Amino acid sequence: MPESPDIPEEVIARIRDVIPYSPPVQQPEPDRNEPMPYQRPDGKDLIDGEDERGFAVTPVPESTSGTIGSFVGQVSVSPDTLLNDFPTDMDGQTPKILSVSDATEIYAHATVDGAGVVTARVVAAGASVPDDDPESGDFYWHLASVTMATDGADNVPVITVDQIRWGPIEELQRYFREFHIQPSGAYRAVVYNGTLFGSLPTGFSVDNNPFFELTGLASGDKIYAAITWDRRVLANGNIVGTITSRTIAKAATVPSNNELTATRYYLLATVTLGAGNIPVIAQSRWGPIDDLPGTARYNYYTSAGTTAQADYWDLTVTGKGKQSDGITDIAPSYDSIQLTAGAFMRAETSGTNLLLFARDGTLNSQGQFTYASLETKVFDKPVVCETTVNVLVGLRLNGTELQGQYKTITVNAVATPSPEWVKLIDLTTSGTTIDVS
């Protein structure tokens, strides 16, 4: 480092008189995490009152006309990017002018094809904002609501804008349905997050970071979801708690469901290789997937007869119980059971009759009742007898009377004693003969 020149003190004093000394000002470091406002391109003049943010909706001065109830006017929409590019009819420099009336909605609209390519971008005005339609690839973002009213005695229409959101808009990912599949390169495709019975499959990450990717795809490949659970349902019927694997995979064909080990497959898409071996995805199903249909076509019907039957149903064992021979497993030939004329029984009495009503019922593979039939009356017979019988239990002569003692008996009830003695024959008449032989 060179030595400082030896300057006389009087010269330094003269310099300080001309250029007073001031310490340097420490400038604060910019906050790099602070979001940057929309940067309007150089040379673009603002319309009076226009917001500098992207997709800002601003009334155009002196653009209104009409009469009460039929006002019309114009608003400007400042340019910004929609899914990484400017809308088709916006050049990034000039705001778009839209005609509006009272209760007009301003929105952005993008169309995305099956390969994830944006084919159209537009900012528009309408009476309402259309709903997203992921299957057709149409997505909408509400930018602002416009109302018009008069400002007083002159009845001059005034435009009021309620801005909902500004640009840029880049979050299409959140609009994809669960398990959305799109190409990521030659022979490759990514699968967006989705849930299989409430959880992410193996290899998937929260917020798609990173994406789950399938490689080595070939024309005709099938992309599918698979789930394996334990057929032995827990006592509380929680079949989801028995799930042992959740996967997304690809193969030339979707494997067949395994009815005994309880593995089930769900076809998501079919792959065709296009130009440059970029996959073209024909998707047929999205998530979430939480349906677990039965693995057999028909219910097992419990046996009938006048003797006790040997078939039974047990969700806690792999075979789900035994058929009528008491030996053959119910599963996998059947995975649900029809309880015939005895799933539900109701008893009533009517007079001396006992009435029995029965319903059929179906238990599914998770131990849940899924069906109860109309009631059928299966028994209507008298079983309670209320007829009373007087039974003579004693006989005696009492003066001039022959008396008998009896009890009144009610069948199937407590016997009720009769009065102590009852006159049977009056003996006061002369010449009465009683034969007691």
Protein backbone atom coordinates (compact mmCIF):
# COMPACT_ATOMS: atom_id res chain seq x y z
CA MET A 1 0.00 0.00 0.00
CA PRO A 2 1.56 3.38 -0.96
CA GLU A 3 2.41 5.79 1.79
CA SER A 4 0.13 8.79 2.37
CA PRO A 5 1.63 12.10 1.16
CA ASP A 6 2.90 14.42 3.86
CA ILE A 7 0.38 17.36 3.64
CA PRO A 8 1.02 20.48 5.76
CA GLU A 9 -1.58 21.19 8.45
CA GLU A 10 -2.43 24.65 7.04
CA VAL A 11 -3.32 23.11 3.70
CA ILE A 12 -5.59 20.57 5.39
CA ALA A 13 -7.30 23.35 7.35
CA ARG A 14 -7.90 25.32 4.14
CA ILE A 15 -9.47 22.18 2.48
CA ARG A 16 -11.83 21.65 5.45
CA ASP A 17 -12.96 25.24 5.18
CA VAL A 18 -13.96 24.66 1.55
CA ILE A 19 -15.30 21.03 1.86
CA PRO A 20 -16.67 20.38 5.34
CA TYR A 21 -16.12 16.84 6.57
CA SER A 22 -19.18 14.55 6.97
CA PRO A 23 -19.13 10.86 7.85
CA PRO A 24 -20.48 8.40 5.27
CA VAL A 25 -24.16 7.46 5.60
CA GLN A 26 -24.79 3.73 6.13
CA GLN A 27 -27.46 2.64 3.62
CA PRO A 28 -29.76 -0.20 4.79
CA GLU A 29 -29.58 -3.49 2.96
CA PRO A 30 -32.68 -4.19 0.85
CA ASP A 31 -35.03 -6.89 2.14
CA ARG A 32 -34.61 -9.60 -0.46
CA ASN A 33 -37.64 -11.47 0.90
CA GLU A 34 -40.01 -8.57 0.31
CA PRO A 35 -42.24 -9.26 -2.70
CA MET A 36 -41.41 -7.02 -5.66
CA PRO A 37 -44.28 -4.91 -7.00
CA TYR A 38 -45.35 -5.18 -10.60
CA GLN A 39 -42.73 -3.38 -12.73
CA ARG A 40 -44.46 -1.45 -15.49
CA PRO A 41 -42.46 -1.52 -18.74
CA ASP A 42 -40.49 1.61 -19.54
CA GLY A 43 -42.35 4.16 -21.57
CA LYS A 44 -45.84 3.10 -20.45
CA ASP A 45 -47.93 5.99 -19.11
CA LEU A 46 -50.52 5.28 -16.42
CA ILE A 47 -54.21 5.99 -16.94
CA ASP A 48 -55.39 8.42 -14.25
CA GLY A 49 -55.84 6.48 -11.02
CA GLU A 50 -54.47 3.23 -12.48
CA ASP A 51 -52.86 0.73 -10.08
CA GLU A 52 -49.31 -0.28 -10.98
CA ARG A 53 -49.83 -3.93 -9.98
CA GLY A 54 -50.41 -6.59 -12.60
CA PHE A 55 -53.99 -7.33 -13.67
CA ALA A 56 -55.11 -4.22 -11.76
CA VAL A 57 -58.61 -3.24 -12.91
CA THR A 58 -59.14 0.55 -13.15
CA PRO A 59 -62.13 2.59 -14.43
CA VAL A 60 -61.40 4.47 -17.65
CA PRO A 61 -62.18 8.18 -17.04
CA GLU A 62 -65.17 9.64 -18.90
CA SER A 63 -66.03 6.28 -20.44
CA THR A 64 -69.48 5.85 -18.93
CA SER A 65 -72.79 6.46 -20.62
CA GLY A 66 -76.40 5.32 -20.60
CA THR A 67 -79.36 5.76 -18.31
CA ILE A 68 -80.20 4.40 -14.89
CA GLY A 69 -80.46 0.64 -15.10
CA SER A 70 -78.51 0.40 -18.35
CA PHE A 71 -75.18 2.09 -17.64
CA VAL A 72 -72.14 1.01 -19.63
CA GLY A 73 -68.51 1.94 -19.32
CA GLN A 74 -64.93 0.75 -19.65
CA VAL A 75 -62.18 -0.51 -17.37
CA SER A 76 -58.51 -1.09 -18.08
CA VAL A 77 -56.63 -4.22 -16.99
CA SER A 78 -52.89 -3.79 -16.58
CA PRO A 79 -50.72 -6.47 -18.22
CA ASP A 80 -49.08 -9.33 -16.34
CA THR A 81 -48.25 -12.98 -16.89
CA LEU A 82 -50.73 -15.83 -16.72
CA LEU A 83 -48.99 -19.20 -16.39
CA ASN A 84 -45.59 -17.83 -17.46
CA ASP A 85 -46.74 -15.75 -20.44
CA PHE A 86 -48.92 -12.75 -21.23
CA PRO A 87 -52.54 -13.34 -22.27
CA THR A 88 -53.01 -13.83 -25.99
CA ASP A 89 -54.41 -10.34 -26.62
CA MET A 90 -52.05 -8.45 -24.28
CA ASP A 91 -48.54 -7.41 -25.40
CA GLY A 92 -47.07 -6.79 -21.96
CA GLN A 93 -46.99 -3.01 -22.59
CA THR A 94 -50.55 -1.83 -23.08
CA PRO A 95 -53.49 -2.40 -20.72
CA LYS A 96 -56.53 -4.21 -22.07
CA ILE A 97 -59.76 -2.21 -22.26
CA LEU A 98 -62.96 -4.09 -21.39
CA SER A 99 -66.56 -2.91 -21.72
CA VAL A 100 -68.56 -3.32 -18.50
CA SER A 101 -71.98 -2.72 -17.04
CA ASP A 102 -73.36 -2.99 -13.53
CA ALA A 103 -72.49 -6.31 -11.80
CA THR A 104 -69.74 -7.36 -14.19
CA GLU A 105 -67.02 -9.85 -13.20
CA ILE A 106 -63.46 -9.60 -14.55
CA TYR A 107 -61.51 -12.86 -14.74
CA ALA A 108 -58.50 -14.58 -16.30
CA HIS A 109 -58.98 -17.79 -18.27
CA ALA A 110 -56.40 -20.39 -19.32
CA THR A 111 -56.83 -23.62 -21.28
CA VAL A 112 -54.38 -26.46 -20.62
CA ASP A 113 -54.19 -29.61 -22.76
CA GLY A 114 -53.63 -33.16 -21.53
CA ALA A 115 -49.86 -32.77 -21.82
CA GLY A 116 -49.87 -29.77 -19.49
CA VAL A 117 -49.31 -27.23 -22.30
CA VAL A 118 -51.18 -23.91 -22.03
CA THR A 119 -53.00 -23.42 -25.34
CA ALA A 120 -54.91 -20.23 -24.56
CA ARG A 121 -54.72 -17.28 -22.15
CA VAL A 122 -57.24 -14.48 -21.99
CA VAL A 123 -58.61 -11.77 -19.67
CA ALA A 124 -62.37 -11.31 -20.06
CA ALA A 125 -65.52 -9.78 -18.57
CA GLY A 126 -68.86 -11.50 -17.96
CA ALA A 127 -71.89 -11.72 -15.73
CA SER A 128 -70.19 -14.45 -13.66
CA VAL A 129 -66.90 -16.33 -13.40
CA PRO A 130 -67.24 -19.82 -14.94
CA ASP A 131 -66.36 -22.85 -12.83
CA ASP A 132 -63.09 -24.69 -13.40
CA ASP A 133 -63.43 -27.75 -15.62
CA PRO A 134 -60.24 -29.81 -15.16
CA GLU A 135 -61.41 -32.52 -17.54
CA SER A 136 -61.61 -30.06 -20.44
CA GLY A 137 -58.55 -28.15 -19.17
CA ASP A 138 -60.34 -24.81 -18.58
CA PHE A 139 -59.33 -22.83 -15.47
CA TYR A 140 -60.52 -19.43 -14.24
CA TRP A 141 -59.23 -16.81 -11.77
CA HIS A 142 -61.52 -14.07 -10.42
CA LEU A 143 -59.76 -10.70 -10.73
CA ALA A 144 -62.37 -8.09 -9.81
CA SER A 145 -66.07 -7.23 -9.46
CA VAL A 146 -67.44 -4.08 -11.12
CA THR A 147 -70.55 -2.15 -10.09
CA MET A 148 -72.05 1.05 -11.54
CA ALA A 149 -74.25 3.67 -9.92
CA THR A 150 -74.97 7.40 -10.20
CA ASP A 151 -73.03 9.99 -8.22
CA GLY A 152 -76.02 12.15 -7.28
CA ALA A 153 -78.23 14.76 -8.87
CA ASP A 154 -76.49 14.73 -12.24
CA ASN A 155 -77.09 10.99 -12.62
CA VAL A 156 -73.57 10.55 -13.95
CA PRO A 157 -72.66 6.83 -13.78
CA VAL A 158 -69.65 6.01 -11.64
CA ILE A 159 -67.68 2.76 -11.89
CA THR A 160 -66.61 1.05 -8.65
CA VAL A 161 -64.05 -1.79 -8.73
CA ASP A 162 -63.64 -4.38 -5.97
CA GLN A 163 -60.29 -5.99 -6.79
CA ILE A 164 -60.10 -9.65 -5.73
CA ARG A 165 -56.55 -10.50 -6.77
CA TRP A 166 -53.62 -9.23 -8.81
CA GLY A 167 -50.99 -10.85 -11.00
CA PRO A 168 -48.86 -12.64 -11.78
CA ILE A 169 -50.85 -15.90 -11.76
CA GLU A 170 -48.68 -19.01 -11.80
CA GLU A 171 -50.35 -21.51 -9.47
CA LEU A 172 -52.12 -23.83 -11.89
CA GLN A 173 -50.69 -26.82 -10.06
CA ARG A 174 -53.25 -26.48 -7.29
CA TYR A 175 -56.03 -26.87 -9.83
CA PHE A 176 -54.88 -30.27 -11.06
CA ARG A 177 -56.98 -33.11 -9.76
CA GLU A 178 -55.37 -35.71 -7.53
CA PHE A 179 -53.09 -38.16 -9.38
CA HIS A 180 -52.98 -35.89 -12.44
CA ILE A 181 -50.36 -37.32 -14.83
CA GLN A 182 -48.36 -35.31 -17.36
CA PRO A 183 -45.19 -35.86 -19.42
CA SER A 184 -41.84 -34.80 -17.97
CA GLY A 185 -39.54 -35.85 -20.84
CA ALA A 186 -38.84 -38.71 -23.22
CA TYR A 187 -40.27 -41.94 -21.79
CA ARG A 188 -41.10 -40.12 -18.53
CA ALA A 189 -44.14 -38.73 -16.72
CA VAL A 190 -44.83 -37.20 -13.34
CA VAL A 191 -47.83 -38.02 -11.15
CA TYR A 192 -49.20 -35.24 -8.96
CA ASN A 193 -50.03 -35.95 -5.33
CA GLY A 194 -53.20 -37.81 -4.48
CA THR A 195 -54.58 -39.93 -1.69
CA LEU A 196 -55.23 -43.65 -1.55
CA PHE A 197 -57.61 -44.17 1.35
CA GLY A 198 -56.53 -40.94 3.01
CA SER A 199 -52.73 -41.21 2.63
CA LEU A 200 -50.04 -40.54 0.01
CA PRO A 201 -48.75 -43.62 -1.83
CA THR A 202 -45.18 -44.80 -1.33
CA GLY A 203 -42.64 -42.47 -2.99
CA PHE A 204 -44.86 -39.36 -2.96
CA SER A 205 -43.84 -36.17 -1.16
CA VAL A 206 -45.77 -33.33 0.46
CA ASP A 207 -46.32 -30.42 -1.98
CA ASN A 208 -44.94 -32.54 -4.83
CA ASN A 209 -41.42 -31.75 -3.67
CA PRO A 210 -40.07 -33.70 -5.42
CA PHE A 211 -42.62 -35.01 -7.89
CA PHE A 212 -43.21 -38.74 -8.14
CA GLU A 213 -41.90 -39.72 -11.58
CA LEU A 214 -42.34 -42.84 -13.70
CA THR A 215 -39.52 -43.62 -16.14
CA GLY A 216 -39.04 -46.06 -18.98
CA LEU A 217 -42.59 -45.68 -20.25
CA ALA A 218 -43.55 -47.51 -23.45
CA SER A 219 -46.51 -47.24 -25.79
CA GLY A 220 -49.46 -49.13 -24.39
CA ASP A 221 -48.26 -49.01 -20.79
CA LYS A 222 -50.90 -48.70 -18.10
CA ILE A 223 -50.43 -46.46 -15.08
CA TYR A 224 -52.37 -47.72 -12.08
CA ALA A 225 -52.82 -47.46 -8.33
CA ALA A 226 -52.66 -50.53 -6.10
CA ILE A 227 -53.69 -51.15 -2.52
CA THR A 228 -53.28 -54.20 -0.30
CA TRP A 229 -55.15 -54.75 2.94
CA ASP A 230 -55.79 -57.55 5.41
CA ARG A 231 -59.02 -59.42 4.76
CA ARG A 232 -59.29 -60.08 8.47
CA VAL A 233 -61.25 -57.03 9.50
CA LEU A 234 -60.62 -55.67 12.99
CA ALA A 235 -63.33 -56.01 15.59
CA ASN A 236 -64.27 -52.34 15.15
CA GLY A 237 -64.65 -52.73 11.36
CA ASN A 238 -61.67 -50.43 10.61
CA ILE A 239 -60.51 -51.84 7.29
CA VAL A 240 -58.37 -48.78 6.46
CA GLY A 241 -56.27 -49.54 9.53
CA THR A 242 -55.32 -52.89 8.00
CA ILE A 243 -53.88 -51.41 4.76
CA THR A 244 -50.31 -52.62 4.26
CA SER A 245 -49.32 -50.90 0.99
CA ARG A 246 -50.29 -48.03 -1.31
CA THR A 247 -48.44 -47.73 -4.64
CA ILE A 248 -48.54 -46.09 -8.08
CA ALA A 249 -46.89 -48.13 -10.82
CA LYS A 250 -46.83 -48.86 -14.57
CA ALA A 251 -46.92 -52.08 -16.54
CA ALA A 252 -47.95 -53.41 -19.94
CA THR A 253 -51.22 -54.56 -18.34
CA VAL A 254 -52.95 -53.89 -15.05
CA PRO A 255 -52.61 -56.94 -12.77
CA SER A 256 -55.74 -58.84 -11.83
CA ASN A 257 -57.27 -58.25 -8.44
CA ASN A 258 -56.17 -60.86 -5.92
CA GLU A 259 -59.31 -61.81 -4.06
CA LEU A 260 -57.72 -63.87 -1.31
CA THR A 261 -54.75 -61.67 -0.39
CA ALA A 262 -56.94 -58.58 -0.83
CA THR A 263 -54.92 -56.61 -3.40
CA ARG A 264 -56.93 -54.29 -5.64
CA TYR A 265 -55.85 -52.26 -8.70
CA TYR A 266 -57.24 -49.03 -10.16
CA LEU A 267 -56.40 -48.02 -13.76
CA LEU A 268 -55.43 -44.33 -13.98
CA ALA A 269 -54.15 -43.81 -17.54
CA THR A 270 -52.89 -45.37 -20.76
CA VAL A 271 -49.63 -44.17 -22.35
CA THR A 272 -48.81 -43.63 -26.03
CA LEU A 273 -45.40 -42.35 -27.11
CA GLY A 274 -45.57 -39.32 -29.39
CA ALA A 275 -42.97 -37.24 -31.21
CA GLY A 276 -39.57 -37.40 -29.54
CA ASN A 277 -40.86 -40.29 -27.40
CA ILE A 278 -42.77 -37.80 -25.24
CA PRO A 279 -45.64 -39.68 -23.58
CA VAL A 280 -49.19 -38.78 -24.55
CA ILE A 281 -51.40 -39.49 -21.53
CA ALA A 282 -54.98 -40.70 -21.89
CA GLN A 283 -56.15 -40.40 -18.30
CA SER A 284 -59.36 -42.14 -17.26
CA ARG A 285 -59.38 -41.78 -13.49
CA TRP A 286 -58.17 -39.29 -10.87
CA GLY A 287 -58.04 -39.29 -7.08
CA PRO A 288 -58.90 -39.37 -4.34
CA ILE A 289 -59.40 -43.15 -4.35
CA ASP A 290 -61.23 -44.50 -1.35
CA ASP A 291 -63.71 -47.03 -2.71
CA LEU A 292 -63.21 -50.66 -1.83
CA PRO A 293 -65.85 -52.62 -3.76
CA GLY A 294 -66.40 -56.28 -3.07
CA THR A 295 -64.14 -58.78 -4.75
CA ALA A 296 -66.94 -61.24 -5.50
CA ARG A 297 -70.04 -60.79 -7.63
CA TYR A 298 -72.70 -62.43 -5.44
CA ASN A 299 -73.61 -62.66 -1.76
CA TYR A 300 -73.48 -65.96 0.09
CA TYR A 301 -77.02 -66.90 1.20
CA THR A 302 -77.27 -68.57 4.57
CA SER A 303 -78.90 -71.99 4.61
CA ALA A 304 -82.45 -72.74 5.72
CA GLY A 305 -84.09 -75.82 7.24
CA THR A 306 -85.69 -77.28 10.35
CA THR A 307 -82.34 -78.09 11.93
CA ALA A 308 -79.43 -75.92 13.08
CA GLN A 309 -77.21 -74.99 10.11
CA ALA A 310 -73.43 -75.34 9.94
CA ASP A 311 -72.59 -72.23 7.90
CA TYR A 312 -71.31 -69.17 9.70
CA TRP A 313 -69.69 -65.76 9.02
CA ASP A 314 -66.51 -64.45 10.68
CA LEU A 315 -64.83 -61.26 9.44
CA THR A 316 -61.77 -61.83 11.63
CA VAL A 317 -60.53 -64.85 9.66
CA THR A 318 -59.17 -64.95 6.11
CA GLY A 319 -61.82 -67.37 4.84
CA LYS A 320 -64.66 -65.27 6.32
CA GLY A 321 -66.31 -68.37 7.81
CA LYS A 322 -67.72 -71.61 6.37
CA GLN A 323 -70.41 -72.55 3.87
CA SER A 324 -73.30 -74.97 4.51
CA ASP A 325 -71.05 -78.04 4.64
CA GLY A 326 -69.16 -76.51 7.54
CA ILE A 327 -65.86 -77.08 5.66
CA THR A 328 -65.65 -74.83 2.57
CA ASP A 329 -64.47 -71.22 3.14
CA ILE A 330 -66.91 -68.46 2.22
CA ALA A 331 -64.06 -66.28 0.84
CA PRO A 332 -62.86 -65.74 -1.82
CA SER A 333 -65.92 -67.11 -3.64
CA TYR A 334 -68.04 -64.67 -1.63
CA ASP A 335 -67.05 -61.61 0.36
CA SER A 336 -70.47 -60.59 1.64
CA ILE A 337 -73.31 -62.56 3.18
CA GLN A 338 -77.09 -62.55 2.86
CA LEU A 339 -78.84 -63.44 6.12
CA THR A 340 -82.10 -65.02 4.98
CA ALA A 341 -85.29 -64.55 7.03
CA GLY A 342 -83.45 -63.90 10.23
CA ALA A 343 -81.19 -60.88 10.02
CA PHE A 344 -83.74 -58.88 12.00
CA MET A 345 -86.65 -60.38 14.00
CA ARG A 346 -89.54 -58.57 15.72
CA ALA A 347 -92.09 -60.20 18.08
CA GLU A 348 -95.58 -58.91 19.00
CA THR A 349 -98.72 -60.33 20.66
CA SER A 350 -102.26 -59.87 19.41
CA GLY A 351 -104.95 -61.34 21.65
CA THR A 352 -104.00 -64.99 22.11
CA ASN A 353 -101.66 -64.98 19.08
CA LEU A 354 -97.89 -64.55 18.94
CA LEU A 355 -96.69 -62.65 15.81
CA LEU A 356 -93.15 -62.87 14.44
CA PHE A 357 -91.83 -60.57 11.67
CA ALA A 358 -88.48 -61.09 9.91
CA ARG A 359 -86.22 -59.16 7.50
CA ASP A 360 -83.38 -60.35 5.29
CA GLY A 361 -80.09 -58.45 5.62
CA THR A 362 -76.73 -58.18 3.88
CA LEU A 363 -73.34 -57.82 5.56
CA ASN A 364 -70.57 -56.47 3.32
CA SER A 365 -66.86 -57.29 3.36
CA GLN A 366 -66.26 -54.70 6.08
CA GLY A 367 -68.88 -56.07 8.44
CA GLN A 368 -71.38 -53.31 7.72
CA PHE A 369 -75.09 -53.90 7.13
CA THR A 370 -75.79 -52.64 3.62
CA TYR A 371 -79.32 -53.96 3.08
CA ALA A 372 -82.45 -54.74 5.09
CA SER A 373 -85.47 -56.13 3.24
CA LEU A 374 -89.15 -55.44 3.78
CA GLU A 375 -90.66 -57.29 6.73
CA THR A 376 -92.35 -60.65 6.25
CA LYS A 377 -94.75 -62.17 8.83
CA VAL A 378 -93.38 -65.62 9.51
CA PHE A 379 -95.51 -66.71 12.53
CA ASP A 380 -99.10 -65.97 13.63
CA LYS A 381 -100.47 -68.68 15.96
CA PRO A 382 -102.37 -68.80 19.29
CA VAL A 383 -99.92 -69.69 22.02
CA VAL A 384 -101.55 -68.15 25.15
CA CYS A 385 -104.89 -69.76 26.38
CA GLU A 386 -107.00 -67.57 28.68
CA THR A 387 -109.98 -70.01 29.00
CA THR A 388 -111.07 -70.57 32.62
CA VAL A 389 -112.23 -73.98 33.98
CA ASN A 390 -114.25 -74.58 37.19
CA VAL A 391 -113.02 -77.76 38.96
CA LEU A 392 -115.08 -79.41 41.78
CA VAL A 393 -112.78 -80.12 44.68
CA GLY A 394 -115.20 -80.76 47.60
CA LEU A 395 -118.79 -81.99 48.40
CA ARG A 396 -120.79 -81.93 51.68
CA LEU A 397 -124.28 -81.96 53.28
CA ASN A 398 -124.93 -78.82 55.21
CA GLY A 399 -128.35 -79.01 56.88
CA THR A 400 -130.86 -79.03 54.12
CA GLU A 401 -128.26 -78.21 51.38
CA LEU A 402 -125.87 -80.25 49.34
CA GLN A 403 -122.83 -78.01 48.86
CA GLY A 404 -119.85 -78.26 46.56
CA GLN A 405 -116.43 -76.58 46.66
CA TYR A 406 -114.58 -75.71 43.39
CA LYS A 407 -111.65 -73.72 42.00
CA THR A 408 -111.54 -71.64 38.84
CA ILE A 409 -108.36 -72.46 36.90
CA THR A 410 -106.89 -70.33 34.06
CA VAL A 411 -104.53 -72.22 31.79
CA ASN A 412 -100.93 -70.87 31.95
CA ALA A 413 -101.89 -68.64 34.89
CA VAL A 414 -102.15 -68.84 38.70
CA ALA A 415 -105.17 -70.85 39.92
CA THR A 416 -107.85 -68.71 41.56
CA PRO A 417 -109.82 -70.32 44.46
CA SER A 418 -113.63 -70.20 44.22
CA PRO A 419 -115.88 -69.05 47.13
CA GLU A 420 -115.63 -71.42 50.09
CA TRP A 421 -118.94 -73.27 49.60
CA VAL A 422 -121.68 -73.02 46.98
CA LYS A 423 -125.17 -74.58 47.20
CA LEU A 424 -125.66 -77.27 44.60
CA ILE A 425 -129.13 -78.75 45.47
CA ASP A 426 -131.87 -77.51 47.83
CA LEU A 427 -132.90 -80.46 50.12
CA THR A 428 -135.85 -78.78 51.86
CA THR A 429 -138.40 -80.41 49.55
CA SER A 430 -139.91 -83.62 50.99
CA GLY A 431 -139.21 -86.80 49.13
CA THR A 432 -135.88 -85.66 47.58
CA THR A 433 -133.63 -88.60 46.94
CA ILE A 434 -129.86 -88.24 46.63
CA ASP A 435 -127.95 -91.09 45.11
CA VAL A 436 -124.34 -90.97 46.23
CA SER A 437 -123.43 -94.50 45.26
